Amino acid sequence: MSGLILSYVIVGAVLVEDTFSLPGIGQLLVQSANAKDLPMLQGVAVLVATTIIVANLFADIAYMLVDPRIRLGRGTS
């Protein structure tokens, strides 16, 4: 669940940073969108997507280590 919750945390960061004028990646995203700075928007999107993918990968690996019934995708033939 922690891998899925990370995306909600990032969206919450955008809302909180924009509402309270706090510096951070959320405010950078909003300012880039307002200024139509497409390279910065792409960079932030890639950074956020990479962070979510890595968090989901770590969550899957941790789940595999904790639950011995989970195996790698090897065929049963």
PDB file of N, CA and C in Angstrom:
ATOM      1  N   MET A   1       0.814  -1.192   0.000  1.00  0.00           N
ATOM      2  CA  MET A   1       0.000   0.000   0.000  1.00  0.00           C
ATOM      3  C   MET A   1       0.864   1.265   0.000  1.00  0.00           C
ATOM      4  N   SER A   2       2.062   1.168   0.550  1.00  0.00           N
ATOM      5  CA  SER A   2       2.894   2.376   0.630  1.00  0.00           C
ATOM      6  C   SER A   2       3.266   2.901  -0.747  1.00  0.00           C
ATOM      7  N   GLY A   3       3.416   2.022  -1.713  1.00  0.00           N
ATOM      8  CA  GLY A   3       3.725   2.472  -3.067  1.00  0.00           C
ATOM      9  C   GLY A   3       2.576   3.249  -3.684  1.00  0.00           C
ATOM     10  N   LEU A   4       1.356   2.853  -3.378  1.00  0.00           N
ATOM     11  CA  LEU A   4       0.190   3.563  -3.908  1.00  0.00           C
ATOM     12  C   LEU A   4      -0.051   4.871  -3.174  1.00  0.00           C
ATOM     13  N   ILE A   5       0.239   4.881  -1.891  1.00  0.00           N
ATOM     14  CA  ILE A   5       0.009   6.080  -1.089  1.00  0.00           C
ATOM     15  C   ILE A   5       0.963   7.205  -1.498  1.00  0.00           C
ATOM     16  N   LEU A   6       2.125   6.860  -2.014  1.00  0.00           N
ATOM     17  CA  LEU A   6       3.105   7.878  -2.408  1.00  0.00           C
ATOM     18  C   LEU A   6       2.542   8.839  -3.451  1.00  0.00           C
ATOM     19  N   SER A   7       1.741   8.333  -4.376  1.00  0.00           N
ATOM     20  CA  SER A   7       1.168   9.233  -5.378  1.00  0.00           C
ATOM     21  C   SER A   7       0.209  10.233  -4.738  1.00  0.00           C
ATOM     22  N   TYR A   8      -0.531   9.809  -3.713  1.00  0.00           N
ATOM     23  CA  TYR A   8      -1.411  10.737  -3.002  1.00  0.00           C
ATOM     24  C   TYR A   8      -0.612  11.764  -2.212  1.00  0.00           C
ATOM     25  N   VAL A   9       0.523  11.361  -1.695  1.00  0.00           N
ATOM     26  CA  VAL A   9       1.382  12.292  -0.965  1.00  0.00           C
ATOM     27  C   VAL A   9       1.914  13.374  -1.902  1.00  0.00           C
ATOM     28  N   ILE A  10       2.276  13.000  -3.108  1.00  0.00           N
ATOM     29  CA  ILE A  10       2.794  13.977  -4.069  1.00  0.00           C
ATOM     30  C   ILE A  10       1.704  14.959  -4.473  1.00  0.00           C
ATOM     31  N   VAL A  11       0.486  14.456  -4.720  1.00  0.00           N
ATOM     32  CA  VAL A  11      -0.621  15.351  -5.051  1.00  0.00           C
ATOM     33  C   VAL A  11      -0.926  16.265  -3.873  1.00  0.00           C
ATOM     34  N   GLY A  12      -0.881  15.731  -2.663  1.00  0.00           N
ATOM     35  CA  GLY A  12      -1.094  16.553  -1.475  1.00  0.00           C
ATOM     36  C   GLY A  12      -0.021  17.615  -1.326  1.00  0.00           C
ATOM     37  N   ALA A  13       1.209  17.283  -1.693  1.00  0.00           N
ATOM     38  CA  ALA A  13       2.289  18.266  -1.621  1.00  0.00           C
ATOM     39  C   ALA A  13       2.035  19.428  -2.568  1.00  0.00           C
ATOM     40  N   VAL A  14       1.523  19.125  -3.745  1.00  0.00           N
ATOM     41  CA  VAL A  14       1.208  20.192  -4.702  1.00  0.00           C
ATOM     42  C   VAL A  14       0.152  21.118  -4.112  1.00  0.00           C
ATOM     43  N   LEU A  15      -0.892  20.544  -3.542  1.00  0.00           N
ATOM     44  CA  LEU A  15      -1.972  21.362  -2.981  1.00  0.00           C
ATOM     45  C   LEU A  15      -1.513  22.181  -1.783  1.00  0.00           C
ATOM     46  N   VAL A  16      -0.786  21.558  -0.859  1.00  0.00           N
ATOM     47  CA  VAL A  16      -0.341  22.262   0.356  1.00  0.00           C
ATOM     48  C   VAL A  16       0.679  23.341   0.022  1.00  0.00           C
ATOM     49  N   GLU A  17       1.635  23.030  -0.832  1.00  0.00           N
ATOM     50  CA  GLU A  17       2.667  24.005  -1.173  1.00  0.00           C
ATOM     51  C   GLU A  17       2.076  25.188  -1.931  1.00  0.00           C
ATOM     52  N   ASP A  18       1.095  24.938  -2.781  1.00  0.00           N
ATOM     53  CA  ASP A  18       0.478  26.039  -3.510  1.00  0.00           C
ATOM     54  C   ASP A  18      -0.404  26.875  -2.579  1.00  0.00           C
ATOM     55  N   THR A  19      -1.118  26.227  -1.684  1.00  0.00           N
ATOM     56  CA  THR A  19      -2.011  26.950  -0.776  1.00  0.00           C
ATOM     57  C   THR A  19      -1.249  27.827   0.203  1.00  0.00           C
ATOM     58  N   PHE A  20      -0.191  27.283   0.802  1.00  0.00           N
ATOM     59  CA  PHE A  20       0.551  28.006   1.828  1.00  0.00           C
ATOM     60  C   PHE A  20       1.825  28.668   1.315  1.00  0.00           C
ATOM     61  N   SER A  21       2.043  28.683   0.017  1.00  0.00           N
ATOM     62  CA  SER A  21       3.216  29.297  -0.620  1.00  0.00           C
ATOM     63  C   SER A  21       4.530  28.767  -0.045  1.00  0.00           C
ATOM     64  N   LEU A  22       4.595  27.472   0.135  1.00  0.00           N
ATOM     65  CA  LEU A  22       5.817  26.827   0.613  1.00  0.00           C
ATOM     66  C   LEU A  22       6.670  26.424  -0.594  1.00  0.00           C
ATOM     67  N   PRO A  23       7.984  26.580  -0.490  1.00  0.00           N
ATOM     68  CA  PRO A  23       8.827  26.153  -1.608  1.00  0.00           C
ATOM     69  C   PRO A  23       8.950  24.630  -1.641  1.00  0.00           C
ATOM     70  N   GLY A  24       8.894  24.082  -2.822  1.00  0.00           N
ATOM     71  CA  GLY A  24       9.019  22.639  -2.973  1.00  0.00           C
ATOM     72  C   GLY A  24       8.674  22.224  -4.386  1.00  0.00           C
ATOM     73  N   ILE A  25       8.647  20.913  -4.608  1.00  0.00           N
ATOM     74  CA  ILE A  25       8.413  20.411  -5.954  1.00  0.00           C
ATOM     75  C   ILE A  25       6.986  20.684  -6.412  1.00  0.00           C
ATOM     76  N   GLY A  26       6.040  20.725  -5.479  1.00  0.00           N
ATOM     77  CA  GLY A  26       4.662  21.033  -5.840  1.00  0.00           C
ATOM     78  C   GLY A  26       4.515  22.452  -6.344  1.00  0.00           C
ATOM     79  N   GLN A  27       5.124  23.382  -5.650  1.00  0.00           N
ATOM     80  CA  GLN A  27       5.055  24.777  -6.087  1.00  0.00           C
ATOM     81  C   GLN A  27       5.822  24.964  -7.402  1.00  0.00           C
ATOM     82  N   LEU A  28       6.923  24.260  -7.563  1.00  0.00           N
ATOM     83  CA  LEU A  28       7.670  24.318  -8.822  1.00  0.00           C
ATOM     84  C   LEU A  28       6.801  23.834  -9.978  1.00  0.00           C
ATOM     85  N   LEU A  29       6.038  22.791  -9.739  1.00  0.00           N
ATOM     86  CA  LEU A  29       5.148  22.265 -10.765  1.00  0.00           C
ATOM     87  C   LEU A  29       4.075  23.282 -11.141  1.00  0.00           C
ATOM     88  N   VAL A  30       3.477  23.917 -10.153  1.00  0.00           N
ATOM     89  CA  VAL A  30       2.432  24.908 -10.417  1.00  0.00           C
ATOM     90  C   VAL A  30       3.008  26.130 -11.131  1.00  0.00           C
ATOM     91  N   GLN A  31       4.148  26.622 -10.673  1.00  0.00           N
ATOM     92  CA  GLN A  31       4.767  27.789 -11.312  1.00  0.00           C
ATOM     93  C   GLN A  31       5.174  27.485 -12.752  1.00  0.00           C
ATOM     94  N   SER A  32       5.665  26.281 -12.994  1.00  0.00           N
ATOM     95  CA  SER A  32       6.045  25.901 -14.359  1.00  0.00           C
ATOM     96  C   SER A  32       4.827  25.817 -15.263  1.00  0.00           C
ATOM     97  N   ALA A  33       3.721  25.323 -14.725  1.00  0.00           N
ATOM     98  CA  ALA A  33       2.502  25.246 -15.526  1.00  0.00           C
ATOM     99  C   ALA A  33       1.973  26.637 -15.832  1.00  0.00           C
ATOM    100  N   ASN A  34       2.024  27.536 -14.858  1.00  0.00           N
ATOM    101  CA  ASN A  34       1.547  28.900 -15.089  1.00  0.00           C
ATOM    102  C   ASN A  34       2.428  29.649 -16.089  1.00  0.00           C
ATOM    103  N   ALA A  35       3.730  29.391 -16.065  1.00  0.00           N
ATOM    104  CA  ALA A  35       4.665  30.057 -16.979  1.00  0.00           C
ATOM    105  C   ALA A  35       4.781  29.331 -18.324  1.00  0.00           C
ATOM    106  N   LYS A  36       4.089  28.197 -18.463  1.00  0.00           N
ATOM    107  CA  LYS A  36       4.141  27.369 -19.677  1.00  0.00           C
ATOM    108  C   LYS A  36       5.565  26.942 -20.003  1.00  0.00           C
ATOM    109  N   ASP A  37       6.296  26.586 -18.957  1.00  0.00           N
ATOM    110  CA  ASP A  37       7.676  26.113 -19.087  1.00  0.00           C
ATOM    111  C   ASP A  37       7.642  24.597 -19.273  1.00  0.00           C
ATOM    112  N   LEU A  38       7.506  24.168 -20.523  1.00  0.00           N
ATOM    113  CA  LEU A  38       7.318  22.750 -20.816  1.00  0.00           C
ATOM    114  C   LEU A  38       8.509  21.871 -20.438  1.00  0.00           C
ATOM    115  N   PRO A  39       9.762  22.279 -20.666  1.00  0.00           N
ATOM    116  CA  PRO A  39      10.867  21.415 -20.247  1.00  0.00           C
ATOM    117  C   PRO A  39      10.889  21.165 -18.729  1.00  0.00           C
ATOM    118  N   MET A  40      10.561  22.205 -17.941  1.00  0.00           N
ATOM    119  CA  MET A  40      10.523  22.014 -16.496  1.00  0.00           C
ATOM    120  C   MET A  40       9.366  21.098 -16.103  1.00  0.00           C
ATOM    121  N   LEU A  41       8.212  21.251 -16.736  1.00  0.00           N
ATOM    122  CA  LEU A  41       7.079  20.374 -16.471  1.00  0.00           C
ATOM    123  C   LEU A  41       7.421  18.922 -16.795  1.00  0.00           C
ATOM    124  N   GLN A  42       8.099  18.712 -17.901  1.00  0.00           N
ATOM    125  CA  GLN A  42       8.498  17.356 -18.273  1.00  0.00           C
ATOM    126  C   GLN A  42       9.489  16.782 -17.273  1.00  0.00           C
ATOM    127  N   GLY A  43      10.422  17.611 -16.831  1.00  0.00           N
ATOM    128  CA  GLY A  43      11.404  17.153 -15.850  1.00  0.00           C
ATOM    129  C   GLY A  43      10.759  16.771 -14.531  1.00  0.00           C
ATOM    130  N   VAL A  44       9.832  17.597 -14.060  1.00  0.00           N
ATOM    131  CA  VAL A  44       9.141  17.290 -12.805  1.00  0.00           C
ATOM    132  C   VAL A  44       8.287  16.040 -12.962  1.00  0.00           C
ATOM    133  N   ALA A  45       7.615  15.898 -14.114  1.00  0.00           N
ATOM    134  CA  ALA A  45       6.786  14.716 -14.353  1.00  0.00           C
ATOM    135  C   ALA A  45       7.634  13.443 -14.375  1.00  0.00           C
ATOM    136  N   VAL A  46       8.796  13.511 -15.005  1.00  0.00           N
ATOM    137  CA  VAL A  46       9.693  12.344 -15.041  1.00  0.00           C
ATOM    138  C   VAL A  46      10.201  12.025 -13.638  1.00  0.00           C
ATOM    139  N   LEU A  47      10.543  13.044 -12.876  1.00  0.00           N
ATOM    140  CA  LEU A  47      11.016  12.832 -11.507  1.00  0.00           C
ATOM    141  C   LEU A  47       9.933  12.191 -10.637  1.00  0.00           C
ATOM    142  N   VAL A  48       8.724  12.700 -10.723  1.00  0.00           N
ATOM    143  CA  VAL A  48       7.621  12.150  -9.928  1.00  0.00           C
ATOM    144  C   VAL A  48       7.309  10.724 -10.369  1.00  0.00           C
ATOM    145  N   ALA A  49       7.252  10.484 -11.670  1.00  0.00           N
ATOM    146  CA  ALA A  49       6.958   9.140 -12.172  1.00  0.00           C
ATOM    147  C   ALA A  49       8.044   8.147 -11.764  1.00  0.00           C
ATOM    148  N   THR A  50       9.298   8.553 -11.849  1.00  0.00           N
ATOM    149  CA  THR A  50      10.398   7.676 -11.442  1.00  0.00           C
ATOM    150  C   THR A  50      10.333   7.368  -9.954  1.00  0.00           C
ATOM    151  N   THR A  51      10.017   8.357  -9.149  1.00  0.00           N
ATOM    152  CA  THR A  51       9.896   8.148  -7.712  1.00  0.00           C
ATOM    153  C   THR A  51       8.787   7.154  -7.392  1.00  0.00           C
ATOM    154  N   ILE A  52       7.651   7.286  -8.054  1.00  0.00           N
ATOM    155  CA  ILE A  52       6.536   6.366  -7.810  1.00  0.00           C
ATOM    156  C   ILE A  52       6.877   4.956  -8.282  1.00  0.00           C
ATOM    157  N   ILE A  53       7.537   4.828  -9.424  1.00  0.00           N
ATOM    158  CA  ILE A  53       7.916   3.511  -9.928  1.00  0.00           C
ATOM    159  C   ILE A  53       8.901   2.826  -8.989  1.00  0.00           C
ATOM    160  N   VAL A  54       9.900   3.563  -8.515  1.00  0.00           N
ATOM    161  CA  VAL A  54      10.892   2.988  -7.596  1.00  0.00           C
ATOM    162  C   VAL A  54      10.233   2.596  -6.275  1.00  0.00           C
ATOM    163  N   ALA A  55       9.330   3.421  -5.768  1.00  0.00           N
ATOM    164  CA  ALA A  55       8.635   3.089  -4.522  1.00  0.00           C
ATOM    165  C   ALA A  55       7.792   1.831  -4.687  1.00  0.00           C
ATOM    166  N   ASN A  56       7.108   1.696  -5.818  1.00  0.00           N
ATOM    167  CA  ASN A  56       6.331   0.486  -6.072  1.00  0.00           C
ATOM    168  C   ASN A  56       7.219  -0.738  -6.222  1.00  0.00           C
ATOM    169  N   LEU A  57       8.375  -0.575  -6.833  1.00  0.00           N
ATOM    170  CA  LEU A  57       9.321  -1.689  -6.960  1.00  0.00           C
ATOM    171  C   LEU A  57       9.800  -2.147  -5.588  1.00  0.00           C
ATOM    172  N   PHE A  58      10.171  -1.193  -4.730  1.00  0.00           N
ATOM    173  CA  PHE A  58      10.606  -1.551  -3.383  1.00  0.00           C
ATOM    174  C   PHE A  58       9.481  -2.208  -2.590  1.00  0.00           C
ATOM    175  N   ALA A  59       8.256  -1.736  -2.757  1.00  0.00           N
ATOM    176  CA  ALA A  59       7.115  -2.337  -2.066  1.00  0.00           C
ATOM    177  C   ALA A  59       6.903  -3.777  -2.538  1.00  0.00           C
ATOM    178  N   ASP A  60       7.037  -4.016  -3.846  1.00  0.00           N
ATOM    179  CA  ASP A  60       6.879  -5.374  -4.365  1.00  0.00           C
ATOM    180  C   ASP A  60       7.989  -6.297  -3.871  1.00  0.00           C
ATOM    181  N   ILE A  61       9.207  -5.801  -3.829  1.00  0.00           N
ATOM    182  CA  ILE A  61      10.326  -6.611  -3.334  1.00  0.00           C
ATOM    183  C   ILE A  61      10.148  -6.915  -1.851  1.00  0.00           C
ATOM    184  N   ALA A  62       9.738  -5.926  -1.081  1.00  0.00           N
ATOM    185  CA  ALA A  62       9.510  -6.153   0.351  1.00  0.00           C
ATOM    186  C   ALA A  62       8.391  -7.155   0.571  1.00  0.00           C
ATOM    187  N   TYR A  63       7.338  -7.083  -0.230  1.00  0.00           N
ATOM    188  CA  TYR A  63       6.230  -8.023  -0.105  1.00  0.00           C
ATOM    189  C   TYR A  63       6.691  -9.433  -0.444  1.00  0.00           C
ATOM    190  N   MET A  64       7.560  -9.561  -1.443  1.00  0.00           N
ATOM    191  CA  MET A  64       8.081 -10.863  -1.817  1.00  0.00           C
ATOM    192  C   MET A  64       8.959 -11.446  -0.705  1.00  0.00           C
ATOM    193  N   LEU A  65       9.708 -10.593  -0.024  1.00  0.00           N
ATOM    194  CA  LEU A  65      10.573 -11.078   1.057  1.00  0.00           C
ATOM    195  C   LEU A  65       9.774 -11.453   2.310  1.00  0.00           C
ATOM    196  N   VAL A  66       8.688 -10.738   2.563  1.00  0.00           N
ATOM    197  CA  VAL A  66       7.893 -10.986   3.762  1.00  0.00           C
ATOM    198  C   VAL A  66       6.997 -12.206   3.598  1.00  0.00           C
ATOM    199  N   ASP A  67       6.410 -12.385   2.422  1.00  0.00           N
ATOM    200  CA  ASP A  67       5.478 -13.487   2.182  1.00  0.00           C
ATOM    201  C   ASP A  67       6.166 -14.553   1.331  1.00  0.00           C
ATOM    202  N   PRO A  68       6.517 -15.688   1.911  1.00  0.00           N
ATOM    203  CA  PRO A  68       7.259 -16.707   1.150  1.00  0.00           C
ATOM    204  C   PRO A  68       6.422 -17.381   0.053  1.00  0.00           C
ATOM    205  N   ARG A  69       5.109 -17.194   0.062  1.00  0.00           N
ATOM    206  CA  ARG A  69       4.272 -17.794  -0.980  1.00  0.00           C
ATOM    207  C   ARG A  69       4.428 -17.084  -2.314  1.00  0.00           C
ATOM    208  N   ILE A  70       4.930 -15.864  -2.285  1.00  0.00           N
ATOM    209  CA  ILE A  70       5.135 -15.105  -3.520  1.00  0.00           C
ATOM    210  C   ILE A  70       6.422 -15.582  -4.166  1.00  0.00           C
ATOM    211  N   ARG A  71       6.343 -15.993  -5.433  1.00  0.00           N
ATOM    212  CA  ARG A  71       7.523 -16.446  -6.158  1.00  0.00           C
ATOM    213  C   ARG A  71       7.708 -15.602  -7.401  1.00  0.00           C
ATOM    214  N   LEU A  72       8.903 -15.668  -7.943  1.00  0.00           N
ATOM    215  CA  LEU A  72       9.165 -14.994  -9.213  1.00  0.00           C
ATOM    216  C   LEU A  72       8.395 -15.681 -10.315  1.00  0.00           C
ATOM    217  N   GLY A  73       8.164 -15.001 -11.410  1.00  0.00           N
ATOM    218  CA  GLY A  73       7.335 -15.518 -12.498  1.00  0.00           C
ATOM    219  C   GLY A  73       7.960 -16.645 -13.294  1.00  0.00           C
ATOM    220  N   ARG A  74       8.283 -17.720 -12.666  1.00  0.00           N
ATOM    221  CA  ARG A  74       8.838 -18.888 -13.361  1.00  0.00           C
ATOM    222  C   ARG A  74       7.695 -19.811 -13.740  1.00  0.00           C
ATOM    223  N   GLY A  75       7.768 -20.373 -14.919  1.00  0.00           N
ATOM    224  CA  GLY A  75       6.726 -21.258 -15.402  1.00  0.00           C
ATOM    225  C   GLY A  75       6.672 -22.556 -14.600  1.00  0.00           C
ATOM    226  N   THR A  76       5.501 -23.180 -14.584  1.00  0.00           N
ATOM    227  CA  THR A  76       5.321 -24.434 -13.843  1.00  0.00           C
ATOM    228  C   THR A  76       5.408 -25.634 -14.762  1.00  0.00           C
ATOM    229  N   SER A  77       5.834 -25.454 -16.000  1.00  0.00           N
ATOM    230  CA  SER A  77       5.860 -26.567 -16.944  1.00  0.00           C
ATOM    231  C   SER A  77       7.032 -27.463 -16.789  1.00  0.00           C
TER     232      SER A  77
END
